[in-house]
PDB file of N, CA and C in Angstrom:
ATOM      1  N   MET A   1       0.844  -1.170   0.000  1.00  0.00           N
ATOM      2  CA  MET A   1       0.000   0.000   0.000  1.00  0.00           C
ATOM      3  C   MET A   1       0.892   1.236   0.000  1.00  0.00           C
ATOM      4  N   HIS A   2       0.601   2.219  -0.860  1.00  0.00           N
ATOM      5  CA  HIS A   2       1.476   3.381  -1.008  1.00  0.00           C
ATOM      6  C   HIS A   2       0.709   4.670  -0.795  1.00  0.00           C
ATOM      7  N   TYR A   3       0.301   4.955   0.430  1.00  0.00           N
ATOM      8  CA  TYR A   3      -0.330   6.233   0.691  1.00  0.00           C
ATOM      9  C   TYR A   3       0.613   7.080   1.517  1.00  0.00           C
ATOM     10  N   GLN A   4       0.440   8.358   1.370  1.00  0.00           N
ATOM     11  CA  GLN A   4       1.339   9.313   2.003  1.00  0.00           C
ATOM     12  C   GLN A   4       0.998   9.420   3.481  1.00  0.00           C
ATOM     13  N   THR A   5       1.958   9.106   4.349  1.00  0.00           N
ATOM     14  CA  THR A   5       1.701   9.157   5.780  1.00  0.00           C
ATOM     15  C   THR A   5       2.636  10.113   6.507  1.00  0.00           C
ATOM     16  N   GLU A   6       3.333  10.932   5.768  1.00  0.00           N
ATOM     17  CA  GLU A   6       4.252  11.875   6.386  1.00  0.00           C
ATOM     18  C   GLU A   6       3.480  12.855   7.259  1.00  0.00           C
ATOM     19  N   SER A   7       4.117  13.273   8.311  1.00  0.00           N
ATOM     20  CA  SER A   7       3.522  14.316   9.123  1.00  0.00           C
ATOM     21  C   SER A   7       3.520  15.600   8.312  1.00  0.00           C
ATOM     22  N   TRP A   8       2.382  16.277   8.240  1.00  0.00           N
ATOM     23  CA  TRP A   8       2.276  17.480   7.421  1.00  0.00           C
ATOM     24  C   TRP A   8       3.186  18.577   7.921  1.00  0.00           C
ATOM     25  N   ASN A   9       3.557  18.564   9.199  1.00  0.00           N
ATOM     26  CA  ASN A   9       4.439  19.602   9.731  1.00  0.00           C
ATOM     27  C   ASN A   9       5.821  19.562   9.090  1.00  0.00           C
ATOM     28  N   SER A  10       6.203  18.430   8.504  1.00  0.00           N
ATOM     29  CA  SER A  10       7.544  18.315   7.956  1.00  0.00           C
ATOM     30  C   SER A  10       7.687  18.985   6.596  1.00  0.00           C
ATOM     31  N   TYR A  11       6.601  19.263   5.892  1.00  0.00           N
ATOM     32  CA  TYR A  11       6.763  19.834   4.556  1.00  0.00           C
ATOM     33  C   TYR A  11       5.960  21.099   4.296  1.00  0.00           C
ATOM     34  N   LEU A  12       5.217  21.592   5.259  1.00  0.00           N
ATOM     35  CA  LEU A  12       4.519  22.861   5.076  1.00  0.00           C
ATOM     36  C   LEU A  12       5.406  24.003   5.529  1.00  0.00           C
ATOM     37  N   PRO A  13       5.238  25.189   4.951  1.00  0.00           N
ATOM     38  CA  PRO A  13       6.061  26.322   5.368  1.00  0.00           C
ATOM     39  C   PRO A  13       5.833  26.670   6.842  1.00  0.00           C
ATOM     40  N   GLU A  14       6.855  27.243   7.435  1.00  0.00           N
ATOM     41  CA  GLU A  14       6.803  27.560   8.871  1.00  0.00           C
ATOM     42  C   GLU A  14       5.604  28.438   9.222  1.00  0.00           C
ATOM     43  N   ASN A  15       5.247  29.388   8.364  1.00  0.00           N
ATOM     44  CA  ASN A  15       4.143  30.290   8.677  1.00  0.00           C
ATOM     45  C   ASN A  15       2.782  29.593   8.579  1.00  0.00           C
ATOM     46  N   PHE A  16       2.742  28.358   8.047  1.00  0.00           N
ATOM     47  CA  PHE A  16       1.478  27.627   7.973  1.00  0.00           C
ATOM     48  C   PHE A  16       1.170  26.908   9.284  1.00  0.00           C
ATOM     49  N   LYS A  17       2.194  26.537  10.031  1.00  0.00           N
ATOM     50  CA  LYS A  17       1.987  25.796  11.274  1.00  0.00           C
ATOM     51  C   LYS A  17       1.223  26.665  12.256  1.00  0.00           C
ATOM     52  N   MET A  18       0.190  26.077  12.813  1.00  0.00           N
ATOM     53  CA  MET A  18      -0.656  26.837  13.728  1.00  0.00           C
ATOM     54  C   MET A  18      -0.431  26.346  15.144  1.00  0.00           C
ATOM     55  N   VAL A  19       0.122  27.184  15.969  1.00  0.00           N
ATOM     56  CA  VAL A  19       0.323  26.842  17.363  1.00  0.00           C
ATOM     57  C   VAL A  19      -0.819  27.477  18.135  1.00  0.00           C
ATOM     58  N   GLY A  20      -1.686  26.649  18.688  1.00  0.00           N
ATOM     59  CA  GLY A  20      -2.819  27.160  19.437  1.00  0.00           C
ATOM     60  C   GLY A  20      -3.882  27.788  18.563  1.00  0.00           C
ATOM     61  N   GLY A  21      -3.831  27.543  17.248  1.00  0.00           N
ATOM     62  CA  GLY A  21      -4.810  28.110  16.333  1.00  0.00           C
ATOM     63  C   GLY A  21      -6.117  27.351  16.368  1.00  0.00           C
ATOM     64  N   ASP A  22      -7.047  27.785  15.550  1.00  0.00           N
ATOM     65  CA  ASP A  22      -8.359  27.164  15.452  1.00  0.00           C
ATOM     66  C   ASP A  22      -8.233  25.827  14.731  1.00  0.00           C
ATOM     67  N   PRO A  23      -8.558  24.705  15.396  1.00  0.00           N
ATOM     68  CA  PRO A  23      -8.420  23.393  14.744  1.00  0.00           C
ATOM     69  C   PRO A  23      -9.290  23.252  13.503  1.00  0.00           C
ATOM     70  N   LEU A  24     -10.473  23.842  13.491  1.00  0.00           N
ATOM     71  CA  LEU A  24     -11.352  23.750  12.332  1.00  0.00           C
ATOM     72  C   LEU A  24     -10.721  24.445  11.127  1.00  0.00           C
ATOM     73  N   GLU A  25     -10.168  25.608  11.342  1.00  0.00           N
ATOM     74  CA  GLU A  25      -9.498  26.351  10.275  1.00  0.00           C
ATOM     75  C   GLU A  25      -8.284  25.574   9.761  1.00  0.00           C
ATOM     76  N   GLU A  26      -7.555  24.980  10.674  1.00  0.00           N
ATOM     77  CA  GLU A  26      -6.384  24.183  10.314  1.00  0.00           C
ATOM     78  C   GLU A  26      -6.793  22.992   9.445  1.00  0.00           C
ATOM     79  N   ILE A  27      -7.863  22.310   9.815  1.00  0.00           N
ATOM     80  CA  ILE A  27      -8.343  21.157   9.050  1.00  0.00           C
ATOM     81  C   ILE A  27      -8.800  21.579   7.658  1.00  0.00           C
ATOM     82  N   GLN A  28      -9.507  22.684   7.565  1.00  0.00           N
ATOM     83  CA  GLN A  28      -9.969  23.149   6.262  1.00  0.00           C
ATOM     84  C   GLN A  28      -8.795  23.475   5.348  1.00  0.00           C
ATOM     85  N   ARG A  29      -7.739  24.063   5.883  1.00  0.00           N
ATOM     86  CA  ARG A  29      -6.545  24.350   5.091  1.00  0.00           C
ATOM     87  C   ARG A  29      -5.870  23.057   4.633  1.00  0.00           C
ATOM     88  N   MET A  30      -5.742  22.112   5.553  1.00  0.00           N
ATOM     89  CA  MET A  30      -5.100  20.842   5.230  1.00  0.00           C
ATOM     90  C   MET A  30      -5.888  20.108   4.151  1.00  0.00           C
ATOM     91  N   ALA A  31      -7.203  20.117   4.261  1.00  0.00           N
ATOM     92  CA  ALA A  31      -8.060  19.399   3.311  1.00  0.00           C
ATOM     93  C   ALA A  31      -8.026  20.025   1.924  1.00  0.00           C
ATOM     94  N   SER A  32      -7.779  21.315   1.841  1.00  0.00           N
ATOM     95  CA  SER A  32      -7.791  21.989   0.538  1.00  0.00           C
ATOM     96  C   SER A  32      -6.457  21.896  -0.203  1.00  0.00           C
ATOM     97  N   ARG A  33      -5.431  21.383   0.423  1.00  0.00           N
ATOM     98  CA  ARG A  33      -4.097  21.341  -0.182  1.00  0.00           C
ATOM     99  C   ARG A  33      -3.848  20.118  -1.055  1.00  0.00           C
ATOM    100  N   ASN A  34      -4.683  19.075  -0.957  1.00  0.00           N
ATOM    101  CA  ASN A  34      -4.480  17.852  -1.729  1.00  0.00           C
ATOM    102  C   ASN A  34      -5.810  17.362  -2.278  1.00  0.00           C
ATOM    103  N   ALA A  35      -5.746  16.566  -3.339  1.00  0.00           N
ATOM    104  CA  ALA A  35      -6.962  16.067  -3.983  1.00  0.00           C
ATOM    105  C   ALA A  35      -7.785  15.183  -3.055  1.00  0.00           C
ATOM    106  N   VAL A  36      -7.128  14.271  -2.337  1.00  0.00           N
ATOM    107  CA  VAL A  36      -7.822  13.383  -1.400  1.00  0.00           C
ATOM    108  C   VAL A  36      -7.089  13.430  -0.072  1.00  0.00           C
ATOM    109  N   VAL A  37      -7.816  13.762   0.982  1.00  0.00           N
ATOM    110  CA  VAL A  37      -7.249  13.847   2.324  1.00  0.00           C
ATOM    111  C   VAL A  37      -8.082  12.963   3.240  1.00  0.00           C
ATOM    112  N   ILE A  38      -7.390  12.123   4.004  1.00  0.00           N
ATOM    113  CA  ILE A  38      -8.046  11.242   4.958  1.00  0.00           C
ATOM    114  C   ILE A  38      -7.522  11.549   6.352  1.00  0.00           C
ATOM    115  N   PHE A  39      -8.427  11.804   7.272  1.00  0.00           N
ATOM    116  CA  PHE A  39      -8.078  11.913   8.686  1.00  0.00           C
ATOM    117  C   PHE A  39      -8.355  10.553   9.285  1.00  0.00           C
ATOM    118  N   SER A  40      -7.341   9.966   9.876  1.00  0.00           N
ATOM    119  CA  SER A  40      -7.353   8.567  10.233  1.00  0.00           C
ATOM    120  C   SER A  40      -6.794   8.363  11.634  1.00  0.00           C
ATOM    121  N   ASN A  41      -6.754   7.107  12.033  1.00  0.00           N
ATOM    122  CA  ASN A  41      -6.118   6.700  13.276  1.00  0.00           C
ATOM    123  C   ASN A  41      -5.351   5.420  12.967  1.00  0.00           C
ATOM    124  N   ASN A  42      -4.127   5.328  13.447  1.00  0.00           N
ATOM    125  CA  ASN A  42      -3.273   4.180  13.132  1.00  0.00           C
ATOM    126  C   ASN A  42      -3.881   2.831  13.489  1.00  0.00           C
ATOM    127  N   THR A  43      -4.721   2.785  14.508  1.00  0.00           N
ATOM    128  CA  THR A  43      -5.248   1.499  14.981  1.00  0.00           C
ATOM    129  C   THR A  43      -6.682   1.230  14.534  1.00  0.00           C
ATOM    130  N   CYS A  44      -7.215   2.043  13.648  1.00  0.00           N
ATOM    131  CA  CYS A  44      -8.618   1.924  13.214  1.00  0.00           C
ATOM    132  C   CYS A  44      -8.721   1.033  11.978  1.00  0.00           C
ATOM    133  N   CYS A  45      -9.490  -0.048  12.088  1.00  0.00           N
ATOM    134  CA  CYS A  45      -9.618  -0.969  10.954  1.00  0.00           C
ATOM    135  C   CYS A  45     -10.400  -0.344   9.794  1.00  0.00           C
ATOM    136  N   MET A  46     -11.386   0.502  10.074  1.00  0.00           N
ATOM    137  CA  MET A  46     -12.136   1.172   9.006  1.00  0.00           C
ATOM    138  C   MET A  46     -11.243   2.160   8.261  1.00  0.00           C
ATOM    139  N   CYS A  47     -10.351   2.806   8.989  1.00  0.00           N
ATOM    140  CA  CYS A  47      -9.403   3.724   8.361  1.00  0.00           C
ATOM    141  C   CYS A  47      -8.490   2.963   7.411  1.00  0.00           C
ATOM    142  N   HIS A  48      -8.021   1.812   7.844  1.00  0.00           N
ATOM    143  CA  HIS A  48      -7.177   0.978   6.983  1.00  0.00           C
ATOM    144  C   HIS A  48      -7.944   0.564   5.729  1.00  0.00           C
ATOM    145  N   ALA A  49      -9.213   0.190   5.899  1.00  0.00           N
ATOM    146  CA  ALA A  49     -10.023  -0.253   4.759  1.00  0.00           C
ATOM    147  C   ALA A  49     -10.224   0.873   3.741  1.00  0.00           C
ATOM    148  N   ILE A  50     -10.460   2.093   4.201  1.00  0.00           N
ATOM    149  CA  ILE A  50     -10.707   3.195   3.273  1.00  0.00           C
ATOM    150  C   ILE A  50      -9.410   3.574   2.546  1.00  0.00           C
ATOM    151  N   LYS A  51      -8.266   3.518   3.249  1.00  0.00           N
ATOM    152  CA  LYS A  51      -6.981   3.765   2.596  1.00  0.00           C
ATOM    153  C   LYS A  51      -6.725   2.706   1.529  1.00  0.00           C
ATOM    154  N   LYS A  52      -7.041   1.467   1.842  1.00  0.00           N
ATOM    155  CA  LYS A  52      -6.870   0.356   0.895  1.00  0.00           C
ATOM    156  C   LYS A  52      -7.781   0.543  -0.327  1.00  0.00           C
ATOM    157  N   LEU A  53      -9.016   1.004  -0.109  1.00  0.00           N
ATOM    158  CA  LEU A  53      -9.943   1.261  -1.217  1.00  0.00           C
ATOM    159  C   LEU A  53      -9.353   2.282  -2.182  1.00  0.00           C
ATOM    160  N   PHE A  54      -8.916   3.418  -1.647  1.00  0.00           N
ATOM    161  CA  PHE A  54      -8.370   4.468  -2.502  1.00  0.00           C
ATOM    162  C   PHE A  54      -7.104   4.005  -3.217  1.00  0.00           C
ATOM    163  N   CYS A  55      -6.215   3.335  -2.507  1.00  0.00           N
ATOM    164  CA  CYS A  55      -4.984   2.855  -3.144  1.00  0.00           C
ATOM    165  C   CYS A  55      -5.295   1.833  -4.229  1.00  0.00           C
ATOM    166  N   GLY A  56      -6.300   0.991  -3.999  1.00  0.00           N
ATOM    167  CA  GLY A  56      -6.716   0.013  -4.998  1.00  0.00           C
ATOM    168  C   GLY A  56      -7.294   0.657  -6.245  1.00  0.00           C
ATOM    169  N   MET A  57      -7.815   1.866  -6.097  1.00  0.00           N
ATOM    170  CA  MET A  57      -8.356   2.604  -7.238  1.00  0.00           C
ATOM    171  C   MET A  57      -7.279   3.411  -7.957  1.00  0.00           C
ATOM    172  N   GLY A  58      -6.063   3.410  -7.411  1.00  0.00           N
ATOM    173  CA  GLY A  58      -4.975   4.176  -8.014  1.00  0.00           C
ATOM    174  C   GLY A  58      -4.871   5.593  -7.492  1.00  0.00           C
ATOM    175  N   VAL A  59      -5.521   5.866  -6.381  1.00  0.00           N
ATOM    176  CA  VAL A  59      -5.496   7.195  -5.761  1.00  0.00           C
ATOM    177  C   VAL A  59      -4.438   7.199  -4.664  1.00  0.00           C
ATOM    178  N   ASN A  60      -3.672   8.263  -4.575  1.00  0.00           N
ATOM    179  CA  ASN A  60      -2.653   8.407  -3.544  1.00  0.00           C
ATOM    180  C   ASN A  60      -3.120   9.456  -2.540  1.00  0.00           C
ATOM    181  N   PRO A  61      -3.888   9.059  -1.517  1.00  0.00           N
ATOM    182  CA  PRO A  61      -4.414  10.047  -0.572  1.00  0.00           C
ATOM    183  C   PRO A  61      -3.340  10.567   0.376  1.00  0.00           C
ATOM    184  N   THR A  62      -3.538  11.776   0.835  1.00  0.00           N
ATOM    185  CA  THR A  62      -2.725  12.312   1.917  1.00  0.00           C
ATOM    186  C   THR A  62      -3.431  11.919   3.206  1.00  0.00           C
ATOM    187  N   VAL A  63      -2.695  11.301   4.118  1.00  0.00           N
ATOM    188  CA  VAL A  63      -3.288  10.767   5.344  1.00  0.00           C
ATOM    189  C   VAL A  63      -2.720  11.509   6.546  1.00  0.00           C
ATOM    190  N   TYR A  64      -3.598  12.021   7.379  1.00  0.00           N
ATOM    191  CA  TYR A  64      -3.217  12.648   8.642  1.00  0.00           C
ATOM    192  C   TYR A  64      -3.729  11.776   9.772  1.00  0.00           C
ATOM    193  N   GLU A  65      -2.814  11.302  10.600  1.00  0.00           N
ATOM    194  CA  GLU A  65      -3.175  10.416  11.703  1.00  0.00           C
ATOM    195  C   GLU A  65      -3.510  11.244  12.943  1.00  0.00           C
ATOM    196  N   LEU A  66      -4.724  11.056  13.457  1.00  0.00           N
ATOM    197  CA  LEU A  66      -5.182  11.828  14.614  1.00  0.00           C
ATOM    198  C   LEU A  66      -4.395  11.509  15.875  1.00  0.00           C
ATOM    199  N   ASP A  67      -3.806  10.326  15.942  1.00  0.00           N
ATOM    200  CA  ASP A  67      -3.023  10.024  17.131  1.00  0.00           C
ATOM    201  C   ASP A  67      -1.722  10.831  17.167  1.00  0.00           C
ATOM    202  N   GLU A  68      -1.363  11.483  16.052  1.00  0.00           N
ATOM    203  CA  GLU A  68      -0.208  12.375  16.033  1.00  0.00           C
ATOM    204  C   GLU A  68      -0.560  13.770  16.531  1.00  0.00           C
ATOM    205  N   ASN A  69      -1.811  14.183  16.360  1.00  0.00           N
ATOM    206  CA  ASN A  69      -2.246  15.512  16.794  1.00  0.00           C
ATOM    207  C   ASN A  69      -3.713  15.452  17.205  1.00  0.00           C
ATOM    208  N   PRO A  70      -3.995  15.210  18.479  1.00  0.00           N
ATOM    209  CA  PRO A  70      -5.378  15.077  18.950  1.00  0.00           C
ATOM    210  C   PRO A  70      -6.234  16.334  18.774  1.00  0.00           C
ATOM    211  N   SER A  71      -5.625  17.505  18.601  1.00  0.00           N
ATOM    212  CA  SER A  71      -6.431  18.723  18.437  1.00  0.00           C
ATOM    213  C   SER A  71      -7.217  18.690  17.131  1.00  0.00           C
ATOM    214  N   TRP A  72      -6.753  17.918  16.149  1.00  0.00           N
ATOM    215  CA  TRP A  72      -7.493  17.808  14.892  1.00  0.00           C
ATOM    216  C   TRP A  72      -8.868  17.190  15.126  1.00  0.00           C
ATOM    217  N   GLU A  73      -8.965  16.305  16.113  1.00  0.00           N
ATOM    218  CA  GLU A  73     -10.251  15.661  16.395  1.00  0.00           C
ATOM    219  C   GLU A  73     -11.293  16.689  16.828  1.00  0.00           C
ATOM    220  N   GLN A  74     -10.883  17.705  17.570  1.00  0.00           N
ATOM    221  CA  GLN A  74     -11.805  18.781  17.966  1.00  0.00           C
ATOM    222  C   GLN A  74     -12.354  19.481  16.736  1.00  0.00           C
ATOM    223  N   GLY A  75     -11.494  19.794  15.792  1.00  0.00           N
ATOM    224  CA  GLY A  75     -11.922  20.452  14.569  1.00  0.00           C
ATOM    225  C   GLY A  75     -12.863  19.584  13.761  1.00  0.00           C
ATOM    226  N   LEU A  76     -12.578  18.294  13.683  1.00  0.00           N
ATOM    227  CA  LEU A  76     -13.450  17.373  12.953  1.00  0.00           C
ATOM    228  C   LEU A  76     -14.814  17.271  13.616  1.00  0.00           C
ATOM    229  N   MET A  77     -14.832  17.246  14.954  1.00  0.00           N
ATOM    230  CA  MET A  77     -16.101  17.173  15.683  1.00  0.00           C
ATOM    231  C   MET A  77     -16.955  18.400  15.403  1.00  0.00           C
ATOM    232  N   SER A  78     -16.344  19.574  15.385  1.00  0.00           N
ATOM    233  CA  SER A  78     -17.127  20.784  15.121  1.00  0.00           C
ATOM    234  C   SER A  78     -17.570  20.852  13.660  1.00  0.00           C
ATOM    235  N   LEU A  79     -16.763  20.303  12.755  1.00  0.00           N
ATOM    236  CA  LEU A  79     -17.114  20.285  11.343  1.00  0.00           C
ATOM    237  C   LEU A  79     -18.268  19.317  11.073  1.00  0.00           C
ATOM    238  N   LEU A  80     -18.225  18.160  11.711  1.00  0.00           N
ATOM    239  CA  LEU A  80     -19.254  17.140  11.497  1.00  0.00           C
ATOM    240  C   LEU A  80     -20.486  17.355  12.371  1.00  0.00           C
ATOM    241  N   GLY A  81     -20.360  18.170  13.402  1.00  0.00           N
ATOM    242  CA  GLY A  81     -21.502  18.443  14.269  1.00  0.00           C
ATOM    243  C   GLY A  81     -21.746  17.373  15.314  1.00  0.00           C
ATOM    244  N   SER A  82     -20.826  16.437  15.462  1.00  0.00           N
ATOM    245  CA  SER A  82     -20.959  15.390  16.472  1.00  0.00           C
ATOM    246  C   SER A  82     -19.591  14.772  16.680  1.00  0.00           C
ATOM    247  N   SER A  83     -19.560  13.737  17.502  1.00  0.00           N
ATOM    248  CA  SER A  83     -18.282  13.062  17.685  1.00  0.00           C
ATOM    249  C   SER A  83     -17.868  12.468  16.344  1.00  0.00           C
ATOM    250  N   SER A  84     -16.616  12.609  16.018  1.00  0.00           N
ATOM    251  CA  SER A  84     -16.155  12.197  14.694  1.00  0.00           C
ATOM    252  C   SER A  84     -16.082  10.687  14.582  1.00  0.00           C
ATOM    253  N   SER A  85     -16.564  10.212  13.483  1.00  0.00           N
ATOM    254  CA  SER A  85     -16.456   8.812  13.131  1.00  0.00           C
ATOM    255  C   SER A  85     -15.332   8.711  12.122  1.00  0.00           C
ATOM    256  N   LEU A  86     -14.336   7.931  12.444  1.00  0.00           N
ATOM    257  CA  LEU A  86     -13.177   7.838  11.559  1.00  0.00           C
ATOM    258  C   LEU A  86     -13.343   6.696  10.576  1.00  0.00           C
ATOM    259  N   PRO A  87     -12.797   6.829   9.405  1.00  0.00           N
ATOM    260  CA  PRO A  87     -12.022   7.944   8.876  1.00  0.00           C
ATOM    261  C   PRO A  87     -12.921   9.081   8.410  1.00  0.00           C
ATOM    262  N   VAL A  88     -12.345  10.260   8.282  1.00  0.00           N
ATOM    263  CA  VAL A  88     -13.042  11.411   7.707  1.00  0.00           C
ATOM    264  C   VAL A  88     -12.311  11.746   6.413  1.00  0.00           C
ATOM    265  N   VAL A  89     -13.073  11.810   5.310  1.00  0.00           N
ATOM    266  CA  VAL A  89     -12.491  11.947   3.980  1.00  0.00           C
ATOM    267  C   VAL A  89     -12.914  13.267   3.339  1.00  0.00           C
ATOM    268  N   PHE A  90     -11.936  13.946   2.744  1.00  0.00           N
ATOM    269  CA  PHE A  90     -12.169  15.146   1.944  1.00  0.00           C
ATOM    270  C   PHE A  90     -11.690  14.843   0.533  1.00  0.00           C
ATOM    271  N   ILE A  91     -12.490  15.212  -0.461  1.00  0.00           N
ATOM    272  CA  ILE A  91     -12.094  15.069  -1.857  1.00  0.00           C
ATOM    273  C   ILE A  91     -12.254  16.431  -2.517  1.00  0.00           C
ATOM    274  N   GLY A  92     -11.178  16.910  -3.109  1.00  0.00           N
ATOM    275  CA  GLY A  92     -11.207  18.228  -3.734  1.00  0.00           C
ATOM    276  C   GLY A  92     -11.483  19.339  -2.738  1.00  0.00           C
ATOM    277  N   GLY A  93     -11.045  19.165  -1.503  1.00  0.00           N
ATOM    278  CA  GLY A  93     -11.254  20.163  -0.463  1.00  0.00           C
ATOM    279  C   GLY A  93     -12.642  20.157   0.141  1.00  0.00           C
ATOM    280  N   LYS A  94     -13.512  19.259  -0.337  1.00  0.00           N
ATOM    281  CA  LYS A  94     -14.892  19.192   0.165  1.00  0.00           C
ATOM    282  C   LYS A  94     -15.067  17.962   1.041  1.00  0.00           C
ATOM    283  N   LEU A  95     -15.780  18.141   2.130  1.00  0.00           N
ATOM    284  CA  LEU A  95     -16.039  17.044   3.054  1.00  0.00           C
ATOM    285  C   LEU A  95     -16.949  16.014   2.402  1.00  0.00           C
ATOM    286  N   VAL A  96     -16.477  14.781   2.311  1.00  0.00           N
ATOM    287  CA  VAL A  96     -17.309  13.674   1.848  1.00  0.00           C
ATOM    288  C   VAL A  96     -17.953  13.013   3.057  1.00  0.00           C
ATOM    289  N   GLY A  97     -17.180  12.849   4.109  1.00  0.00           N
ATOM    290  CA  GLY A  97     -17.699  12.276   5.339  1.00  0.00           C
ATOM    291  C   GLY A  97     -16.913  11.063   5.778  1.00  0.00           C
ATOM    292  N   ALA A  98     -17.588  10.212   6.525  1.00  0.00           N
ATOM    293  CA  ALA A  98     -16.959   9.022   7.085  1.00  0.00           C
ATOM    294  C   ALA A  98     -17.078   7.848   6.112  1.00  0.00           C
ATOM    295  N   MET A  99     -16.726   6.696   6.593  1.00  0.00           N
ATOM    296  CA  MET A  99     -16.698   5.468   5.778  1.00  0.00           C
ATOM    297  C   MET A  99     -18.030   5.211   5.077  1.00  0.00           C
ATOM    298  N   ASP A 100     -19.135   5.406   5.774  1.00  0.00           N
ATOM    299  CA  ASP A 100     -20.447   5.116   5.176  1.00  0.00           C
ATOM    300  C   ASP A 100     -20.726   5.996   3.960  1.00  0.00           C
ATOM    301  N   ASN A 101     -20.370   7.257   4.030  1.00  0.00           N
ATOM    302  CA  ASN A 101     -20.584   8.163   2.889  1.00  0.00           C
ATOM    303  C   ASN A 101     -19.695   7.804   1.708  1.00  0.00           C
ATOM    304  N   VAL A 102     -18.442   7.456   1.995  1.00  0.00           N
ATOM    305  CA  VAL A 102     -17.509   7.091   0.925  1.00  0.00           C
ATOM    306  C   VAL A 102     -17.976   5.806   0.249  1.00  0.00           C
ATOM    307  N   MET A 103     -18.369   4.821   1.040  1.00  0.00           N
ATOM    308  CA  MET A 103     -18.823   3.549   0.467  1.00  0.00           C
ATOM    309  C   MET A 103     -20.118   3.727  -0.324  1.00  0.00           C
ATOM    310  N   ALA A 104     -21.029   4.566   0.168  1.00  0.00           N
ATOM    311  CA  ALA A 104     -22.270   4.840  -0.565  1.00  0.00           C
ATOM    312  C   ALA A 104     -21.957   5.483  -1.916  1.00  0.00           C
ATOM    313  N   ALA A 105     -21.007   6.438  -1.919  1.00  0.00           N
ATOM    314  CA  ALA A 105     -20.613   7.089  -3.174  1.00  0.00           C
ATOM    315  C   ALA A 105     -19.949   6.088  -4.116  1.00  0.00           C
ATOM    316  N   HIS A 106     -19.186   5.173  -3.562  1.00  0.00           N
ATOM    317  CA  HIS A 106     -18.521   4.152  -4.386  1.00  0.00           C
ATOM    318  C   HIS A 106     -19.563   3.211  -5.007  1.00  0.00           C
ATOM    319  N   ILE A 107     -20.523   2.795  -4.211  1.00  0.00           N
ATOM    320  CA  ILE A 107     -21.545   1.860  -4.687  1.00  0.00           C
ATOM    321  C   ILE A 107     -22.474   2.505  -5.707  1.00  0.00           C
ATOM    322  N   ASN A 108     -22.874   3.758  -5.471  1.00  0.00           N
ATOM    323  CA  ASN A 108     -23.818   4.389  -6.405  1.00  0.00           C
ATOM    324  C   ASN A 108     -23.133   5.052  -7.611  1.00  0.00           C
ATOM    325  N   GLY A 109     -21.803   4.935  -7.689  1.00  0.00           N
ATOM    326  CA  GLY A 109     -21.093   5.395  -8.873  1.00  0.00           C
ATOM    327  C   GLY A 109     -20.699   6.856  -8.887  1.00  0.00           C
ATOM    328  N   THR A 110     -20.827   7.552  -7.776  1.00  0.00           N
ATOM    329  CA  THR A 110     -20.466   8.973  -7.763  1.00  0.00           C
ATOM    330  C   THR A 110     -19.044   9.234  -7.255  1.00  0.00           C
ATOM    331  N   LEU A 111     -18.385   8.218  -6.718  1.00  0.00           N
ATOM    332  CA  LEU A 111     -17.038   8.420  -6.169  1.00  0.00           C
ATOM    333  C   LEU A 111     -16.008   8.685  -7.269  1.00  0.00           C
ATOM    334  N   VAL A 112     -16.011   7.891  -8.316  1.00  0.00           N
ATOM    335  CA  VAL A 112     -15.021   8.060  -9.395  1.00  0.00           C
ATOM    336  C   VAL A 112     -15.133   9.447 -10.039  1.00  0.00           C
ATOM    337  N   PRO A 113     -16.347   9.932 -10.377  1.00  0.00           N
ATOM    338  CA  PRO A 113     -16.427  11.303 -10.911  1.00  0.00           C
ATOM    339  C   PRO A 113     -15.899  12.364  -9.943  1.00  0.00           C
ATOM    340  N   LEU A 114     -16.142  12.191  -8.641  1.00  0.00           N
ATOM    341  CA  LEU A 114     -15.599  13.125  -7.643  1.00  0.00           C
ATOM    342  C   LEU A 114     -14.069  13.113  -7.683  1.00  0.00           C
ATOM    343  N   LEU A 115     -13.501  11.917  -7.748  1.00  0.00           N
ATOM    344  CA  LEU A 115     -12.045  11.788  -7.776  1.00  0.00           C
ATOM    345  C   LEU A 115     -11.460  12.370  -9.049  1.00  0.00           C
ATOM    346  N   LYS A 116     -12.124  12.172 -10.167  1.00  0.00           N
ATOM    347  CA  LYS A 116     -11.660  12.754 -11.441  1.00  0.00           C
ATOM    348  C   LYS A 116     -11.707  14.276 -11.391  1.00  0.00           C
ATOM    349  N   GLU A 117     -12.814  14.798 -10.884  1.00  0.00           N
ATOM    350  CA  GLU A 117     -12.979  16.252 -10.788  1.00  0.00           C
ATOM    351  C   GLU A 117     -11.912  16.873  -9.897  1.00  0.00           C
ATOM    352  N   ALA A 118     -11.521  16.169  -8.841  1.00  0.00           N
ATOM    353  CA  ALA A 118     -10.509  16.676  -7.908  1.00  0.00           C
ATOM    354  C   ALA A 118      -9.084  16.503  -8.443  1.00  0.00           C
ATOM    355  N   GLY A 119      -8.941  15.750  -9.540  1.00  0.00           N
ATOM    356  CA  GLY A 119      -7.627  15.518 -10.106  1.00  0.00           C
ATOM    357  C   GLY A 119      -6.878  14.357  -9.469  1.00  0.00           C
ATOM    358  N   ALA A 120      -7.608  13.488  -8.778  1.00  0.00           N
ATOM    359  CA  ALA A 120      -6.983  12.343  -8.123  1.00  0.00           C
ATOM    360  C   ALA A 120      -6.937  11.120  -9.033  1.00  0.00           C
ATOM    361  N   LEU A 121      -7.754  11.103 -10.078  1.00  0.00           N
ATOM    362  CA  LEU A 121      -7.799  10.000 -11.052  1.00  0.00           C
ATOM    363  C   LEU A 121      -7.734  10.581 -12.450  1.00  0.00           C
ATOM    364  N   TRP A 122      -7.050   9.880 -13.339  1.00  0.00           N
ATOM    365  CA  TRP A 122      -6.953  10.326 -14.722  1.00  0.00           C
ATOM    366  C   TRP A 122      -7.413   9.234 -15.673  1.00  0.00           C
ATOM    367  N   LEU A 123      -8.470   8.533 -15.333  1.00  0.00           N
ATOM    368  CA  LEU A 123      -8.964   7.427 -16.173  1.00  0.00           C
ATOM    369  C   LEU A 123      -9.617   7.924 -17.425  1.00  0.00           C
TER     370      LEU A 123
END
């Protein structure tokens, strides 16, 4: 499996790092920087499954692990309006949602067009 798991702090400019900033604003910025962004947890089996789905489709998602920065979970909770269900997926900077939304889009045929529009697939 070849998905990007680097910590985002290692390659973003210094002025982008938010110390004590608004987690929701930080998440929105992170989600808009790549075609497919997954907020995940290293020990979550559903997170592993969604990463495997995207990699199997030829998509290289950017993955942010919540166990590396727990403040992101606060931002996700406020964005989703409830406790976050992982994984949380953004495509083209837009919130798709958790595993159930991604799988529904995959089954009903709307996931591939979303990925193409975001520039994540070139089929």
